[in-house]
Amino acid sequence: MMPFIPEELASYLIIVEGGYKLKEGAPDNVKKMFSAWVKEVKKLESEQVIIKR
């Protein structure tokens, strides 16, 4: 499932093999927003139930 990406954050993200990376030179407020977003995504991932067949 694709996590919701805040519009203010999207232009500073780079898609990499393992997910997303923040571009170099991003402003401090964007760095804080990215850190909070990563924590939220990890929390949501930990709450997911994986069903194996």
PDB file of N, CA and C in Angstrom:
ATOM      1  N   MET A   1       0.836  -1.177   0.000  1.00  0.00           N
ATOM      2  CA  MET A   1       0.000   0.000   0.000  1.00  0.00           C
ATOM      3  C   MET A   1       0.884   1.245   0.000  1.00  0.00           C
ATOM      4  N   MET A   2       0.551   2.191  -0.805  1.00  0.00           N
ATOM      5  CA  MET A   2       1.312   3.427  -0.919  1.00  0.00           C
ATOM      6  C   MET A   2       0.945   4.378   0.214  1.00  0.00           C
ATOM      7  N   PRO A   3       1.932   4.817   0.992  1.00  0.00           N
ATOM      8  CA  PRO A   3       1.619   5.762   2.068  1.00  0.00           C
ATOM      9  C   PRO A   3       1.278   7.142   1.515  1.00  0.00           C
ATOM     10  N   PHE A   4       0.414   7.857   2.221  1.00  0.00           N
ATOM     11  CA  PHE A   4       0.054   9.216   1.830  1.00  0.00           C
ATOM     12  C   PHE A   4       1.283  10.103   1.969  1.00  0.00           C
ATOM     13  N   ILE A   5       1.596  10.869   0.930  1.00  0.00           N
ATOM     14  CA  ILE A   5       2.731  11.788   0.956  1.00  0.00           C
ATOM     15  C   ILE A   5       2.184  13.211   0.998  1.00  0.00           C
ATOM     16  N   PRO A   6       2.504  13.961   2.063  1.00  0.00           N
ATOM     17  CA  PRO A   6       2.036  15.349   2.117  1.00  0.00           C
ATOM     18  C   PRO A   6       2.551  16.147   0.915  1.00  0.00           C
ATOM     19  N   GLU A   7       1.715  17.003   0.385  1.00  0.00           N
ATOM     20  CA  GLU A   7       2.054  17.778  -0.818  1.00  0.00           C
ATOM     21  C   GLU A   7       3.323  18.613  -0.615  1.00  0.00           C
ATOM     22  N   GLU A   8       3.490  19.197   0.578  1.00  0.00           N
ATOM     23  CA  GLU A   8       4.660  20.042   0.854  1.00  0.00           C
ATOM     24  C   GLU A   8       5.959  19.235   0.842  1.00  0.00           C
ATOM     25  N   LEU A   9       5.849  17.934   1.071  1.00  0.00           N
ATOM     26  CA  LEU A   9       7.018  17.065   1.168  1.00  0.00           C
ATOM     27  C   LEU A   9       7.377  16.432  -0.178  1.00  0.00           C
ATOM     28  N   ALA A  10       6.406  16.249  -1.028  1.00  0.00           N
ATOM     29  CA  ALA A  10       6.579  15.479  -2.269  1.00  0.00           C
ATOM     30  C   ALA A  10       7.706  15.994  -3.166  1.00  0.00           C
ATOM     31  N   SER A  11       7.848  17.290  -3.291  1.00  0.00           N
ATOM     32  CA  SER A  11       8.862  17.821  -4.210  1.00  0.00           C
ATOM     33  C   SER A  11      10.291  17.641  -3.696  1.00  0.00           C
ATOM     34  N   TYR A  12      10.445  17.251  -2.437  1.00  0.00           N
ATOM     35  CA  TYR A  12      11.773  17.047  -1.856  1.00  0.00           C
ATOM     36  C   TYR A  12      12.153  15.573  -1.758  1.00  0.00           C
ATOM     37  N   LEU A  13      11.295  14.686  -2.242  1.00  0.00           N
ATOM     38  CA  LEU A  13      11.559  13.255  -2.137  1.00  0.00           C
ATOM     39  C   LEU A  13      12.136  12.681  -3.412  1.00  0.00           C
ATOM     40  N   ILE A  14      12.995  11.675  -3.228  1.00  0.00           N
ATOM     41  CA  ILE A  14      13.572  10.910  -4.323  1.00  0.00           C
ATOM     42  C   ILE A  14      13.159   9.463  -4.085  1.00  0.00           C
ATOM     43  N   ILE A  15      12.660   8.787  -5.122  1.00  0.00           N
ATOM     44  CA  ILE A  15      12.300   7.384  -4.989  1.00  0.00           C
ATOM     45  C   ILE A  15      13.567   6.552  -5.127  1.00  0.00           C
ATOM     46  N   VAL A  16      13.824   5.709  -4.127  1.00  0.00           N
ATOM     47  CA  VAL A  16      14.978   4.803  -4.139  1.00  0.00           C
ATOM     48  C   VAL A  16      14.459   3.380  -3.964  1.00  0.00           C
ATOM     49  N   GLU A  17      15.349   2.414  -4.079  1.00  0.00           N
ATOM     50  CA  GLU A  17      14.956   1.004  -4.034  1.00  0.00           C
ATOM     51  C   GLU A  17      14.181   0.649  -2.766  1.00  0.00           C
ATOM     52  N   GLY A  18      14.612   1.148  -1.617  1.00  0.00           N
ATOM     53  CA  GLY A  18      13.973   0.794  -0.360  1.00  0.00           C
ATOM     54  C   GLY A  18      12.828   1.698   0.047  1.00  0.00           C
ATOM     55  N   GLY A  19      12.472   2.677  -0.766  1.00  0.00           N
ATOM     56  CA  GLY A  19      11.387   3.584  -0.410  1.00  0.00           C
ATOM     57  C   GLY A  19      11.657   4.990  -0.916  1.00  0.00           C
ATOM     58  N   TYR A  20      11.836   5.914   0.027  1.00  0.00           N
ATOM     59  CA  TYR A  20      12.046   7.314  -0.325  1.00  0.00           C
ATOM     60  C   TYR A  20      13.265   7.869   0.401  1.00  0.00           C
ATOM     61  N   LYS A  21      13.863   8.873  -0.203  1.00  0.00           N
ATOM     62  CA  LYS A  21      15.011   9.553   0.381  1.00  0.00           C
ATOM     63  C   LYS A  21      14.775  11.049   0.220  1.00  0.00           C
ATOM     64  N   LEU A  22      15.235  11.814   1.189  1.00  0.00           N
ATOM     65  CA  LEU A  22      15.091  13.262   1.141  1.00  0.00           C
ATOM     66  C   LEU A  22      16.242  13.858   0.337  1.00  0.00           C
ATOM     67  N   LYS A  23      15.926  14.803  -0.555  1.00  0.00           N
ATOM     68  CA  LYS A  23      16.960  15.458  -1.355  1.00  0.00           C
ATOM     69  C   LYS A  23      17.896  16.256  -0.460  1.00  0.00           C
ATOM     70  N   GLU A  24      19.152  16.356  -0.890  1.00  0.00           N
ATOM     71  CA  GLU A  24      20.117  17.174  -0.157  1.00  0.00           C
ATOM     72  C   GLU A  24      19.729  18.637  -0.269  1.00  0.00           C
ATOM     73  N   GLY A  25      19.990  19.389   0.780  1.00  0.00           N
ATOM     74  CA  GLY A  25      19.695  20.811   0.758  1.00  0.00           C
ATOM     75  C   GLY A  25      18.253  21.153   1.088  1.00  0.00           C
ATOM     76  N   ALA A  26      17.497  20.173   1.566  1.00  0.00           N
ATOM     77  CA  ALA A  26      16.101  20.449   1.938  1.00  0.00           C
ATOM     78  C   ALA A  26      16.088  21.342   3.181  1.00  0.00           C
ATOM     79  N   PRO A  27      15.125  22.254   3.280  1.00  0.00           N
ATOM     80  CA  PRO A  27      15.037  23.138   4.449  1.00  0.00           C
ATOM     81  C   PRO A  27      14.775  22.344   5.732  1.00  0.00           C
ATOM     82  N   ASP A  28      15.132  22.936   6.865  1.00  0.00           N
ATOM     83  CA  ASP A  28      14.978  22.256   8.150  1.00  0.00           C
ATOM     84  C   ASP A  28      13.537  21.863   8.439  1.00  0.00           C
ATOM     85  N   ASN A  29      12.578  22.715   8.074  1.00  0.00           N
ATOM     86  CA  ASN A  29      11.180  22.368   8.341  1.00  0.00           C
ATOM     87  C   ASN A  29      10.751  21.140   7.536  1.00  0.00           C
ATOM     88  N   VAL A  30      11.310  20.971   6.347  1.00  0.00           N
ATOM     89  CA  VAL A  30      11.002  19.800   5.525  1.00  0.00           C
ATOM     90  C   VAL A  30      11.665  18.554   6.118  1.00  0.00           C
ATOM     91  N   LYS A  31      12.868  18.712   6.652  1.00  0.00           N
ATOM     92  CA  LYS A  31      13.552  17.588   7.304  1.00  0.00           C
ATOM     93  C   LYS A  31      12.745  17.092   8.496  1.00  0.00           C
ATOM     94  N   LYS A  32      12.202  18.017   9.286  1.00  0.00           N
ATOM     95  CA  LYS A  32      11.374  17.638  10.435  1.00  0.00           C
ATOM     96  C   LYS A  32      10.098  16.946   9.965  1.00  0.00           C
ATOM     97  N   MET A  33       9.484  17.479   8.909  1.00  0.00           N
ATOM     98  CA  MET A  33       8.270  16.892   8.364  1.00  0.00           C
ATOM     99  C   MET A  33       8.550  15.478   7.845  1.00  0.00           C
ATOM    100  N   PHE A  34       9.700  15.298   7.202  1.00  0.00           N
ATOM    101  CA  PHE A  34      10.079  13.983   6.676  1.00  0.00           C
ATOM    102  C   PHE A  34      10.269  12.984   7.815  1.00  0.00           C
ATOM    103  N   SER A  35      10.945  13.405   8.883  1.00  0.00           N
ATOM    104  CA  SER A  35      11.157  12.521  10.033  1.00  0.00           C
ATOM    105  C   SER A  35       9.828  12.097  10.646  1.00  0.00           C
ATOM    106  N   ALA A  36       8.919  13.038  10.804  1.00  0.00           N
ATOM    107  CA  ALA A  36       7.596  12.730  11.363  1.00  0.00           C
ATOM    108  C   ALA A  36       6.829  11.793  10.430  1.00  0.00           C
ATOM    109  N   TRP A  37       6.939  12.012   9.135  1.00  0.00           N
ATOM    110  CA  TRP A  37       6.252  11.183   8.152  1.00  0.00           C
ATOM    111  C   TRP A  37       6.794   9.752   8.186  1.00  0.00           C
ATOM    112  N   VAL A  38       8.118   9.604   8.292  1.00  0.00           N
ATOM    113  CA  VAL A  38       8.736   8.273   8.348  1.00  0.00           C
ATOM    114  C   VAL A  38       8.251   7.529   9.590  1.00  0.00           C
ATOM    115  N   LYS A  39       8.192   8.213  10.728  1.00  0.00           N
ATOM    116  CA  LYS A  39       7.691   7.580  11.960  1.00  0.00           C
ATOM    117  C   LYS A  39       6.253   7.124  11.789  1.00  0.00           C
ATOM    118  N   GLU A  40       5.428   7.952  11.165  1.00  0.00           N
ATOM    119  CA  GLU A  40       4.024   7.606  10.946  1.00  0.00           C
ATOM    120  C   GLU A  40       3.893   6.381  10.037  1.00  0.00           C
ATOM    121  N   VAL A  41       4.684   6.354   8.962  1.00  0.00           N
ATOM    122  CA  VAL A  41       4.651   5.227   8.031  1.00  0.00           C
ATOM    123  C   VAL A  41       5.094   3.948   8.728  1.00  0.00           C
ATOM    124  N   LYS A  42       6.159   4.007   9.518  1.00  0.00           N
ATOM    125  CA  LYS A  42       6.635   2.820  10.242  1.00  0.00           C
ATOM    126  C   LYS A  42       5.580   2.326  11.225  1.00  0.00           C
ATOM    127  N   LYS A  43       4.900   3.259  11.886  1.00  0.00           N
ATOM    128  CA  LYS A  43       3.843   2.884  12.830  1.00  0.00           C
ATOM    129  C   LYS A  43       2.716   2.176  12.087  1.00  0.00           C
ATOM    130  N   LEU A  44       2.305   2.719  10.951  1.00  0.00           N
ATOM    131  CA  LEU A  44       1.244   2.095  10.161  1.00  0.00           C
ATOM    132  C   LEU A  44       1.657   0.711   9.649  1.00  0.00           C
ATOM    133  N   GLU A  45       2.913   0.588   9.240  1.00  0.00           N
ATOM    134  CA  GLU A  45       3.408  -0.707   8.768  1.00  0.00           C
ATOM    135  C   GLU A  45       3.408  -1.737   9.886  1.00  0.00           C
ATOM    136  N   SER A  46       3.739  -1.320  11.106  1.00  0.00           N
ATOM    137  CA  SER A  46       3.774  -2.259  12.227  1.00  0.00           C
ATOM    138  C   SER A  46       2.375  -2.710  12.634  1.00  0.00           C
ATOM    139  N   GLU A  47       1.364  -1.915  12.281  1.00  0.00           N
ATOM    140  CA  GLU A  47      -0.015  -2.258  12.625  1.00  0.00           C
ATOM    141  C   GLU A  47      -0.680  -3.137  11.571  1.00  0.00           C
ATOM    142  N   GLN A  48      -0.039  -3.309  10.422  1.00  0.00           N
ATOM    143  CA  GLN A  48      -0.629  -4.119   9.354  1.00  0.00           C
ATOM    144  C   GLN A  48      -0.580  -5.602   9.709  1.00  0.00           C
ATOM    145  N   VAL A  49      -1.589  -6.300   9.288  1.00  0.00           N
ATOM    146  CA  VAL A  49      -1.644  -7.746   9.474  1.00  0.00           C
ATOM    147  C   VAL A  49      -1.305  -8.394   8.145  1.00  0.00           C
ATOM    148  N   ILE A  50      -0.359  -9.306   8.166  1.00  0.00           N
ATOM    149  CA  ILE A  50       0.043  -9.994   6.954  1.00  0.00           C
ATOM    150  C   ILE A  50      -0.630 -11.362   6.936  1.00  0.00           C
ATOM    151  N   ILE A  51      -1.343 -11.626   5.868  1.00  0.00           N
ATOM    152  CA  ILE A  51      -2.050 -12.895   5.725  1.00  0.00           C
ATOM    153  C   ILE A  51      -1.272 -13.762   4.745  1.00  0.00           C
ATOM    154  N   LYS A  52      -0.878 -14.941   5.211  1.00  0.00           N
ATOM    155  CA  LYS A  52      -0.149 -15.874   4.353  1.00  0.00           C
ATOM    156  C   LYS A  52      -1.096 -16.984   3.926  1.00  0.00           C
ATOM    157  N   ARG A  53      -0.972 -17.389   2.693  1.00  0.00           N
ATOM    158  CA  ARG A  53      -1.821 -18.476   2.183  1.00  0.00           C
ATOM    159  C   ARG A  53      -1.043 -19.739   2.048  1.00  0.00           C
TER     160      ARG A  53
END
